[in-house]
Amino acid sequence: MPLAHGAACPPSRPAAPRHAATMGEAPEPSSQASLAVLSKVELRVSCRHLLDRDTLNKSDPCVLLLVQSQGQWVEVDRSEVIKSNLNPVFAKIFTVDYYFEEVQKLRFEVYDSHGQAGVGTHDDDFLGGMECTVGQIVAQKRVTKPLFLKYGKFAGKSTITVISEEISGNNGYVELAFRAKKLDDKDLFSKSDPFLEIYRIDDDSSEQLVYRTEVVKNNLSPIWEPFKVSLNSLCSCEEKRKLRCVVWDYDSRGKHDFIGEFFTTFEEMQKAMGENKVQWECMNPKYKIKKRNYKNSGVVVLLDLKIHRVYSFLDYIMGGCQIHFTVAIDFTASNGDPRNSCSLHYINPYQPNEYLKALVAVGEICQDYDSDKKFSALGFGARIPPKYEVSHDFAINFNPDNDECEAILHPADPDGRRGDGHGGHAGGHRPRLLPAHVHHHRGGGQRRLHRHADPGRRRRRPALPPGRARAA
């Protein structure tokens, strides 16, 4: 069986700006991608019949994941190195963003790692590559393809298998701490070098490697380092799903000796929470049949289990989280004279200006998550009444004791009501800001704000062009 090791992989390539994410990292999507439907997908990789590039031992493979960005292949992640193994099953889980409407090209490259010096720079380190798309892997769930060397030449009988799984809405993870006691000694002149592997058994009875611990050298009662794994990877968020745990004695040539195994579920593991501990007998089926007085090949103990829930945005909203929306408007002269159609403050009688568009675009979304529908509206960079002194922090409604305005009004509706009835508020009054005339002040960079003499009185609207109807 394969084993992770600390050997180095080929040198890093520049990180991709988008399309894929490594274990918890969030890529920066483009403006188009931000509007797309996004899902997270986990990819598990294994290989068969890799080329043997080493003289004395077998190849030490690792896998590089690359994405195509702007016509170039860019490395985004890499697996661990598995020592002396031509049929590796990598414990590393690659996480990628999946956009249904995009063709996302991936490339998997397998290298024989020789350490830090010269890795990835010589052709004899390259064991083969395979190209596909995220869509192909997601649609087929399991993709097996041959590996190719340069110039389209087959890499012998080498194949690579990629298994995909969508990350469900439950983004929690669990922290586990294992140890073992009195394991069988598989070495002649020293003690066993044990490590533990955890497999998830899927509905089709296939096994998926979830985690592989480090090796504890020369120890029959090892204590492995605590580790974290997502609930989705561990048990597909199903507490009763069966798990297979296997203990091996590490061999540097890749021929690890089987010590024993046991079966459990995440439901059973949870008994180890707090000060409780759960233990299983590590059994070797062959010894159980052959040896009459066989009891076990050791005991594996779950010392601690901690469940960490990663809450989504929807969890916070459904839990009562409110979003408070605050508006700050720039009244400085840098925006131009409001009487000029090029100014951001220009009030066009037929369409909203850029400020109104921004307010509506953001405000209409945020107001659904604010129970009182009241929003602070502030301004800066103007001379405000009654003394017309420069202020860089004033309430748009000129009420310093209460700077909140009610609801976000759609600029296309003169009555301040949207077609869906959300524009108004209780009592039937139209919520609005007190109107003000804004004049450019030549002596400085500010503008003067004058209150309208009659806040409740509307100004006459200019006539609309022929054939254009006025909103009711």
Protein backbone atom coordinates (compact mmCIF):
# COMPACT_ATOMS: atom_id res chain seq x y z
CA MET A 1 0.00 0.00 0.00
CA PRO A 2 1.16 3.59 -0.68
CA LEU A 3 2.42 6.02 1.89
CA ALA A 4 2.86 9.76 2.12
CA HIS A 5 6.36 11.00 2.65
CA GLY A 6 8.07 14.32 3.02
CA ALA A 7 10.07 14.18 -0.21
CA ALA A 8 9.87 17.15 -2.52
CA CYS A 9 7.81 17.42 -5.71
CA PRO A 10 8.76 19.33 -8.87
CA PRO A 11 9.30 23.06 -8.32
CA SER A 12 6.24 25.24 -7.99
CA ARG A 13 4.81 27.04 -10.98
CA PRO A 14 2.99 30.40 -10.75
CA ALA A 15 -0.33 30.18 -8.97
CA ALA A 16 -3.47 30.40 -11.06
CA PRO A 17 -5.57 33.55 -10.66
CA ARG A 18 -8.83 31.59 -10.80
CA HIS A 19 -10.65 28.35 -11.67
CA ALA A 20 -9.25 26.25 -8.84
CA ALA A 21 -8.68 26.47 -5.14
CA THR A 22 -6.37 24.57 -2.85
CA MET A 23 -7.73 23.19 0.40
CA GLY A 24 -9.69 26.11 1.69
CA GLU A 25 -8.16 28.86 -0.43
CA ALA A 26 -10.65 31.03 -2.29
CA PRO A 27 -9.68 32.07 -5.82
CA GLU A 28 -10.55 35.48 -7.14
CA PRO A 29 -13.25 35.02 -9.77
CA SER A 30 -13.59 37.28 -12.75
CA SER A 31 -16.62 39.54 -13.17
CA GLN A 32 -18.23 36.96 -15.44
CA ALA A 33 -17.54 34.07 -13.13
CA SER A 34 -18.93 35.92 -10.12
CA LEU A 35 -22.33 35.85 -11.79
CA ALA A 36 -22.07 32.15 -12.60
CA VAL A 37 -23.41 29.18 -10.71
CA LEU A 38 -20.54 27.93 -8.57
CA SER A 39 -20.06 24.53 -6.94
CA LYS A 40 -17.08 23.07 -5.12
CA VAL A 41 -15.82 19.69 -6.29
CA GLU A 42 -13.33 17.36 -4.62
CA LEU A 43 -11.02 15.30 -6.85
CA ARG A 44 -9.26 12.11 -5.71
CA VAL A 45 -6.41 10.74 -7.80
CA SER A 46 -4.82 7.32 -8.17
CA CYS A 47 -2.51 5.74 -10.77
CA ARG A 48 -1.76 2.25 -12.07
CA HIS A 49 1.25 0.69 -13.76
CA LEU A 50 3.46 3.76 -13.66
CA LEU A 51 6.81 3.69 -15.42
CA ASP A 52 9.74 2.72 -13.21
CA ARG A 53 12.38 5.41 -13.59
CA ASP A 54 14.59 4.34 -10.67
CA THR A 55 17.40 1.82 -10.91
CA LEU A 56 17.40 0.30 -7.44
CA ASN A 57 13.90 1.14 -6.22
CA LYS A 58 10.57 1.94 -7.79
CA SER A 59 9.48 5.45 -8.77
CA ASP A 60 8.43 7.94 -6.08
CA PRO A 61 5.39 9.53 -7.76
CA CYS A 62 3.56 12.75 -7.07
CA VAL A 63 0.80 14.45 -9.07
CA LEU A 64 0.60 18.08 -10.15
CA LEU A 65 -2.76 19.69 -10.95
CA LEU A 66 -2.70 22.44 -13.57
CA VAL A 67 -5.47 24.59 -15.02
CA GLN A 68 -5.52 26.44 -18.30
CA SER A 69 -5.66 30.18 -17.72
CA GLN A 70 -5.45 32.61 -20.64
CA GLY A 71 -4.02 29.89 -22.87
CA GLN A 72 -1.29 28.83 -20.43
CA TRP A 73 -1.06 25.90 -18.05
CA VAL A 74 -0.63 27.03 -14.45
CA GLU A 75 -0.03 24.79 -11.46
CA VAL A 76 -2.56 25.23 -8.66
CA ASP A 77 -1.83 22.28 -6.36
CA ARG A 78 0.15 19.08 -5.93
CA SER A 79 -0.13 15.82 -4.05
CA GLU A 80 2.17 14.27 -1.52
CA VAL A 81 5.07 12.05 -2.66
CA ILE A 82 4.50 8.32 -2.27
CA LYS A 83 7.74 6.41 -1.89
CA SER A 84 8.60 3.47 -4.13
CA ASN A 85 5.13 2.75 -5.57
CA LEU A 86 3.97 2.20 -9.15
CA ASN A 87 0.27 1.97 -8.17
CA PRO A 88 -0.18 4.95 -5.85
CA VAL A 89 -3.42 6.05 -4.24
CA PHE A 90 -2.88 9.67 -3.22
CA ALA A 91 -4.33 10.91 0.05
CA LYS A 92 -4.31 14.50 -1.19
CA ILE A 93 -7.76 15.79 -2.15
CA PHE A 94 -7.82 18.49 -4.83
CA THR A 95 -10.62 21.05 -4.50
CA VAL A 96 -11.71 22.94 -7.61
CA ASP A 97 -14.46 25.41 -8.46
CA TYR A 98 -16.98 24.08 -10.96
CA TYR A 99 -18.79 26.43 -13.33
CA PHE A 100 -21.43 24.66 -15.40
CA GLU A 101 -21.37 27.19 -18.25
CA GLU A 102 -17.57 27.22 -18.66
CA VAL A 103 -15.13 24.79 -20.26
CA GLN A 104 -12.53 24.38 -17.51
CA LYS A 105 -9.49 22.51 -18.78
CA LEU A 106 -7.38 20.52 -16.32
CA ARG A 107 -4.06 18.75 -16.73
CA PHE A 108 -2.65 16.13 -14.37
CA GLU A 109 1.10 15.55 -14.54
CA VAL A 110 2.81 12.66 -12.73
CA TYR A 111 6.49 12.99 -11.76
CA ASP A 112 9.06 10.72 -10.18
CA SER A 113 10.43 12.83 -7.35
CA HIS A 114 14.16 12.70 -6.66
CA GLY A 115 14.33 15.37 -3.98
CA GLN A 116 15.04 19.07 -4.24
CA ALA A 117 17.78 19.04 -6.89
CA GLY A 118 16.73 19.05 -10.51
CA VAL A 119 13.22 17.78 -9.97
CA GLY A 120 10.91 18.51 -12.86
CA THR A 121 13.75 19.72 -15.09
CA HIS A 122 14.67 16.42 -16.75
CA ASP A 123 12.52 14.38 -19.07
CA ASP A 124 13.25 11.16 -17.17
CA ASP A 125 11.37 12.57 -14.12
CA PHE A 126 8.15 12.90 -16.11
CA LEU A 127 5.98 9.79 -15.84
CA GLY A 128 3.08 11.03 -17.96
CA GLY A 129 0.22 13.51 -18.20
CA MET A 130 -3.49 13.59 -18.94
CA GLU A 131 -5.83 16.40 -19.98
CA CYS A 132 -9.57 16.64 -19.44
CA THR A 133 -12.23 19.12 -18.34
CA VAL A 134 -13.92 19.55 -15.00
CA GLY A 135 -17.23 18.90 -16.76
CA GLN A 136 -16.06 15.48 -17.97
CA ILE A 137 -15.02 14.41 -14.49
CA VAL A 138 -18.21 15.70 -12.88
CA ALA A 139 -20.47 14.10 -15.50
CA GLN A 140 -18.78 10.67 -15.31
CA LYS A 141 -17.86 10.85 -11.60
CA ARG A 142 -14.98 8.47 -12.28
CA VAL A 143 -12.58 9.02 -15.19
CA THR A 144 -9.76 6.62 -16.08
CA LYS A 145 -7.42 7.62 -18.91
CA PRO A 146 -3.98 6.58 -20.16
CA LEU A 147 -0.98 8.73 -19.36
CA PHE A 148 0.95 10.26 -22.25
CA LEU A 149 4.57 11.30 -22.49
CA LYS A 150 5.75 14.13 -24.70
CA TYR A 151 4.73 14.17 -28.37
CA GLY A 152 1.64 12.04 -27.69
CA LYS A 153 3.56 8.83 -26.88
CA PHE A 154 1.86 6.39 -24.51
CA ALA A 155 3.53 6.01 -21.11
CA GLY A 156 3.44 2.23 -21.35
CA LYS A 157 0.33 0.84 -19.65
CA SER A 158 0.16 3.73 -17.19
CA THR A 159 -3.29 5.03 -16.32
CA ILE A 160 -4.65 7.72 -14.03
CA THR A 161 -8.05 7.66 -12.35
CA VAL A 162 -9.80 10.80 -11.10
CA ILE A 163 -12.92 10.53 -8.94
CA SER A 164 -15.11 13.58 -8.36
CA GLU A 165 -17.48 14.39 -5.55
CA GLU A 166 -19.44 17.59 -5.03
CA ILE A 167 -19.01 19.23 -1.67
CA SER A 168 -22.39 19.31 0.03
CA GLY A 169 -23.85 22.24 1.93
CA ASN A 170 -22.54 20.85 5.23
CA ASN A 171 -19.02 22.30 5.36
CA GLY A 172 -18.22 21.06 8.86
CA TYR A 173 -15.10 19.12 9.67
CA VAL A 174 -13.97 16.79 12.43
CA GLU A 175 -10.69 16.63 14.31
CA LEU A 176 -9.53 13.13 15.26
CA ALA A 177 -6.69 11.86 17.46
CA PHE A 178 -5.74 8.16 17.32
CA ARG A 179 -3.25 5.93 19.07
CA ALA A 180 -2.61 2.18 19.13
CA LYS A 181 -1.48 -0.30 21.77
CA LYS A 182 0.43 -3.60 21.56
CA LEU A 183 0.51 -3.89 17.78
CA ASP A 184 2.06 -6.97 16.16
CA ASP A 185 5.77 -6.72 15.50
CA LYS A 186 6.41 -7.25 11.78
CA ASP A 187 10.14 -6.50 11.77
CA LEU A 188 12.89 -8.94 12.56
CA PHE A 189 15.56 -6.73 14.11
CA SER A 190 13.39 -3.81 15.24
CA LYS A 191 9.81 -2.95 16.02
CA SER A 192 7.06 -2.11 13.52
CA ASP A 193 6.78 1.34 11.94
CA PRO A 194 2.97 1.72 11.98
CA PHE A 195 0.71 4.13 10.15
CA LEU A 196 -3.08 4.27 9.88
CA GLU A 197 -5.34 4.63 6.84
CA ILE A 198 -9.06 5.44 6.92
CA TYR A 199 -11.32 4.44 4.03
CA ARG A 200 -14.93 5.39 3.39
CA ILE A 201 -17.09 2.63 1.95
CA ASP A 202 -19.45 4.01 -0.69
CA ASP A 203 -22.85 2.71 -1.75
CA ASP A 204 -21.32 0.67 -4.57
CA SER A 205 -19.00 -1.05 -2.02
CA SER A 206 -15.96 0.77 -3.41
CA GLU A 207 -13.51 2.32 -0.97
CA GLN A 208 -12.25 5.90 -0.99
CA LEU A 209 -9.11 6.82 0.92
CA VAL A 210 -10.00 9.55 3.42
CA TYR A 211 -6.77 10.04 5.33
CA ARG A 212 -3.32 8.52 5.84
CA THR A 213 -1.39 9.29 9.01
CA GLU A 214 2.32 9.80 9.36
CA VAL A 215 4.65 6.89 10.17
CA VAL A 216 5.73 6.41 13.77
CA LYS A 217 9.08 4.69 13.65
CA ASN A 218 9.99 1.64 15.77
CA ASN A 219 6.94 1.75 18.06
CA LEU A 220 4.26 -0.84 18.84
CA SER A 221 2.14 1.65 20.77
CA PRO A 222 2.21 4.71 18.50
CA ILE A 223 0.43 8.01 19.10
CA TRP A 224 -0.40 9.64 15.77
CA GLU A 225 -0.71 13.37 15.30
CA PRO A 226 -4.28 14.75 15.44
CA PHE A 227 -5.72 15.57 12.02
CA LYS A 228 -8.73 17.29 10.51
CA VAL A 229 -10.98 15.99 7.76
CA SER A 230 -14.25 17.26 6.35
CA LEU A 231 -17.44 15.42 7.23
CA ASN A 232 -18.18 15.24 3.53
CA SER A 233 -14.94 13.36 2.86
CA LEU A 234 -15.14 11.19 5.96
CA CYS A 235 -18.68 9.87 5.71
CA SER A 236 -20.54 11.90 3.05
CA CYS A 237 -22.26 13.55 6.03
CA GLU A 238 -23.94 10.21 6.85
CA GLU A 239 -23.18 9.14 10.41
CA LYS A 240 -24.04 5.48 9.81
CA ARG A 241 -21.82 5.06 6.72
CA LYS A 242 -19.29 2.29 7.28
CA LEU A 243 -15.58 3.16 7.57
CA ARG A 244 -12.64 0.79 7.23
CA CYS A 245 -9.48 1.55 9.19
CA VAL A 246 -6.25 -0.28 8.35
CA VAL A 247 -2.94 -0.35 10.22
CA TRP A 248 0.25 -1.01 8.23
CA ASP A 249 3.91 -1.53 9.00
CA TYR A 250 5.83 0.87 6.75
CA ASP A 251 8.40 -0.50 4.33
CA SER A 252 10.73 1.87 2.48
CA ARG A 253 10.47 -0.30 -0.65
CA GLY A 254 6.70 0.20 -0.75
CA LYS A 255 5.82 -3.34 0.37
CA HIS A 256 4.04 -2.39 3.56
CA ASP A 257 3.07 -5.23 5.89
CA PHE A 258 -0.57 -5.58 6.90
CA ILE A 259 -1.00 -5.50 10.69
CA GLY A 260 -4.78 -5.42 11.05
CA GLU A 261 -8.04 -3.64 10.42
CA PHE A 262 -11.35 -2.74 12.00
CA PHE A 263 -14.68 -1.31 10.87
CA THR A 264 -16.59 1.54 12.45
CA THR A 265 -18.93 4.47 11.73
CA PHE A 266 -18.80 8.15 12.48
CA GLU A 267 -21.77 7.61 14.79
CA GLU A 268 -19.66 5.22 16.86
CA MET A 269 -16.67 7.56 16.79
CA GLN A 270 -18.70 10.33 18.38
CA LYS A 271 -18.73 8.41 21.66
CA ALA A 272 -15.14 9.64 22.08
CA MET A 273 -16.24 13.24 22.58
CA GLY A 274 -15.22 14.84 25.86
CA GLU A 275 -13.24 12.64 28.25
CA ASN A 276 -14.58 9.39 26.82
CA LYS A 277 -12.46 7.15 24.63
CA VAL A 278 -13.45 4.54 22.08
CA GLN A 279 -11.29 1.58 21.13
CA TRP A 280 -11.39 -1.20 18.56
CA GLU A 281 -9.55 -4.49 18.28
CA CYS A 282 -7.24 -4.49 15.28
CA MET A 283 -7.88 -7.82 13.56
CA ASN A 284 -5.93 -9.79 10.97
CA PRO A 285 -8.46 -12.13 9.25
CA LYS A 286 -5.74 -14.61 8.19
CA TYR A 287 -4.41 -14.94 11.73
CA LYS A 288 -7.93 -15.36 13.03
CA ILE A 289 -8.41 -18.40 10.79
CA LYS A 290 -4.96 -19.94 11.23
CA LYS A 291 -4.25 -19.26 14.89
CA ARG A 292 -6.47 -21.04 17.37
CA ASN A 293 -5.78 -18.75 20.32
CA TYR A 294 -5.61 -15.56 18.26
CA LYS A 295 -7.16 -12.58 20.04
CA ASN A 296 -6.12 -9.51 18.07
CA SER A 297 -3.16 -7.75 16.50
CA GLY A 298 -3.40 -4.80 18.83
CA VAL A 299 -5.90 -2.16 19.88
CA VAL A 300 -6.59 1.20 18.23
CA VAL A 301 -7.92 3.96 20.48
CA LEU A 302 -9.71 7.15 19.47
CA LEU A 303 -8.41 9.58 22.07
CA ASP A 304 -10.43 12.61 21.09
CA LEU A 305 -13.00 13.80 18.59
CA LYS A 306 -14.01 17.40 18.00
CA ILE A 307 -16.67 18.49 15.55
CA HIS A 308 -16.25 21.93 14.00
CA ARG A 309 -19.18 23.35 12.10
CA VAL A 310 -18.35 25.86 9.35
CA TYR A 311 -21.44 27.99 9.01
CA SER A 312 -22.54 29.24 5.63
CA PHE A 313 -23.92 32.68 4.85
CA LEU A 314 -27.42 31.17 4.71
CA ASP A 315 -26.94 29.66 8.17
CA TYR A 316 -26.28 33.13 9.58
CA ILE A 317 -29.26 34.66 7.79
CA MET A 318 -31.65 31.92 8.89
CA GLY A 319 -30.24 32.25 12.40
CA GLY A 320 -31.44 35.86 12.58
CA CYS A 321 -28.39 37.79 11.36
CA GLN A 322 -29.34 41.29 10.15
CA ILE A 323 -27.46 43.35 7.56
CA HIS A 324 -27.31 47.07 8.22
CA PHE A 325 -26.91 49.20 5.10
CA THR A 326 -25.27 52.64 5.33
CA VAL A 327 -24.98 55.16 2.49
CA ALA A 328 -22.25 57.78 2.20
CA ILE A 329 -22.50 60.28 -0.69
CA ASP A 330 -19.62 62.38 -1.97
CA PHE A 331 -20.70 66.02 -2.46
CA THR A 332 -17.25 67.42 -3.18
CA ALA A 333 -16.57 69.36 -6.36
CA SER A 334 -14.59 66.45 -7.79
CA ASN A 335 -17.87 65.04 -9.15
CA GLY A 336 -18.55 68.17 -11.22
CA ASP A 337 -21.36 70.71 -11.32
CA PRO A 338 -24.71 68.92 -10.80
CA ARG A 339 -26.21 71.08 -13.56
CA ASN A 340 -23.77 69.53 -16.01
CA SER A 341 -24.95 66.29 -17.59
CA CYS A 342 -21.46 64.85 -17.15
CA SER A 343 -21.65 65.16 -13.36
CA LEU A 344 -22.39 62.10 -11.25
CA HIS A 345 -24.87 64.30 -9.34
CA TYR A 346 -26.73 65.39 -12.45
CA ILE A 347 -30.46 64.72 -12.07
CA ASN A 348 -31.68 63.41 -15.39
CA PRO A 349 -35.49 63.68 -15.64
CA TYR A 350 -35.70 60.50 -17.70
CA GLN A 351 -33.24 58.09 -16.05
CA PRO A 352 -31.41 57.70 -12.73
CA ASN A 353 -27.84 58.91 -12.38
CA GLU A 354 -24.92 56.72 -11.36
CA TYR A 355 -25.47 57.38 -7.66
CA LEU A 356 -29.10 56.27 -7.79
CA LYS A 357 -28.20 53.20 -9.82
CA ALA A 358 -25.62 52.17 -7.23
CA LEU A 359 -27.99 52.82 -4.34
CA VAL A 360 -30.74 50.75 -5.89
CA ALA A 361 -28.46 47.92 -7.04
CA VAL A 362 -27.01 47.40 -3.56
CA GLY A 363 -29.84 48.68 -1.42
CA GLU A 364 -32.65 46.62 -2.91
CA ILE A 365 -30.72 43.46 -2.06
CA CYS A 366 -29.57 44.47 1.41
CA GLN A 367 -32.93 45.81 2.58
CA ASP A 368 -34.42 42.30 2.51
CA TYR A 369 -32.08 41.37 5.36
CA ASP A 370 -32.91 44.39 7.55
CA SER A 371 -36.08 43.99 9.60
CA ASP A 372 -36.82 47.71 10.14
CA LYS A 373 -35.85 48.76 6.57
CA LYS A 374 -34.13 51.87 7.95
CA PHE A 375 -30.78 52.92 6.55
CA SER A 376 -28.32 55.59 7.61
CA ALA A 377 -27.70 58.09 4.81
CA LEU A 378 -24.73 60.41 5.23
CA GLY A 379 -22.95 62.98 3.11
CA PHE A 380 -19.56 64.65 3.12
CA GLY A 381 -17.80 67.53 1.38
CA ALA A 382 -20.56 70.16 1.33
CA ARG A 383 -21.56 73.45 2.99
CA ILE A 384 -24.78 72.69 4.79
CA PRO A 385 -27.49 75.00 6.16
CA PRO A 386 -28.16 76.99 8.17
CA LYS A 387 -24.59 78.40 8.51
CA TYR A 388 -23.27 76.81 5.31
CA GLU A 389 -20.15 75.56 7.02
CA VAL A 390 -18.12 72.82 5.43
CA SER A 391 -19.06 69.39 6.80
CA HIS A 392 -17.52 66.03 6.10
CA ASP A 393 -20.11 64.10 8.05
CA PHE A 394 -23.75 65.14 7.95
CA ALA A 395 -27.14 63.47 7.68
CA ILE A 396 -28.73 63.66 4.25
CA ASN A 397 -32.10 64.37 5.88
CA PHE A 398 -30.46 67.18 7.97
CA ASN A 399 -31.52 65.45 11.19
CA PRO A 400 -28.35 64.78 13.20
CA ASP A 401 -30.33 62.92 15.86
CA ASN A 402 -31.73 60.39 13.40
CA ASP A 403 -29.89 59.94 10.11
CA GLU A 404 -31.93 56.93 9.00
CA CYS A 405 -34.18 56.86 5.95
CA GLU A 406 -36.88 54.30 5.36
CA ALA A 407 -36.61 51.75 2.55
CA ILE A 408 -34.81 51.89 -0.77
CA LEU A 409 -37.00 53.48 -3.46
CA HIS A 410 -36.84 52.45 -7.07
CA PRO A 411 -35.93 55.56 -9.10
CA ALA A 412 -38.21 54.54 -11.98
CA ASP A 413 -41.28 54.78 -9.74
CA PRO A 414 -42.29 58.38 -8.87
CA ASP A 415 -44.43 57.19 -5.95
CA GLY A 416 -41.51 55.33 -4.44
CA ARG A 417 -43.21 51.96 -4.76
CA ARG A 418 -41.91 48.98 -6.63
CA GLY A 419 -44.19 46.77 -8.62
CA ASP A 420 -43.91 44.04 -6.00
CA GLY A 421 -45.26 46.31 -3.26
CA HIS A 422 -42.04 46.52 -1.26
CA GLY A 423 -41.34 50.17 -1.92
CA GLY A 424 -43.70 51.68 0.65
CA HIS A 425 -44.02 51.31 4.39
CA ALA A 426 -46.78 51.07 6.94
CA GLY A 427 -49.18 53.97 6.98
CA GLY A 428 -49.10 54.57 3.24
CA HIS A 429 -46.66 57.50 3.43
CA ARG A 430 -43.96 57.75 0.81
CA PRO A 431 -40.54 57.57 2.50
CA ARG A 432 -38.01 59.89 0.90
CA LEU A 433 -35.08 62.16 1.55
CA LEU A 434 -35.78 65.89 1.95
CA PRO A 435 -34.89 67.47 -1.39
CA ALA A 436 -32.09 69.99 -1.61
CA HIS A 437 -30.61 72.22 -4.27
CA VAL A 438 -26.88 71.67 -4.68
CA HIS A 439 -24.72 74.51 -5.98
CA HIS A 440 -21.04 74.48 -6.76
CA HIS A 441 -19.09 76.79 -4.49
CA ARG A 442 -16.41 78.52 -6.56
CA GLY A 443 -14.31 79.49 -3.59
CA GLY A 444 -13.54 75.90 -2.54
CA GLY A 445 -14.00 72.25 -3.29
CA GLN A 446 -17.37 71.95 -1.58
CA ARG A 447 -20.93 72.52 -2.65
CA ARG A 448 -23.68 74.34 -0.80
CA LEU A 449 -26.83 72.49 0.14
CA HIS A 450 -30.01 74.52 0.45
CA ARG A 451 -33.16 73.08 1.85
CA HIS A 452 -36.14 73.25 -0.40
CA ALA A 453 -38.60 75.77 0.98
CA ASP A 454 -41.44 73.25 0.93
CA PRO A 455 -40.28 69.66 1.43
CA GLY A 456 -43.75 68.27 0.78
CA ARG A 457 -44.19 70.07 -2.52
CA ARG A 458 -43.04 68.43 -5.73
CA ARG A 459 -41.33 70.28 -8.50
CA ARG A 460 -43.00 70.21 -11.87
CA ARG A 461 -41.59 67.49 -13.99
CA PRO A 462 -40.52 68.39 -17.52
CA ALA A 463 -42.57 67.12 -20.41
CA LEU A 464 -41.70 63.67 -21.70
CA PRO A 465 -40.81 63.12 -25.35
CA PRO A 466 -43.67 62.13 -27.68
CA GLY A 467 -44.72 58.51 -27.43
CA ARG A 468 -43.25 58.01 -23.95
CA ALA A 469 -45.70 57.27 -21.15
CA ARG A 470 -45.31 58.73 -17.70
CA ALA A 471 -45.34 56.28 -14.78
CA ALA A 472 -48.48 56.39 -12.67
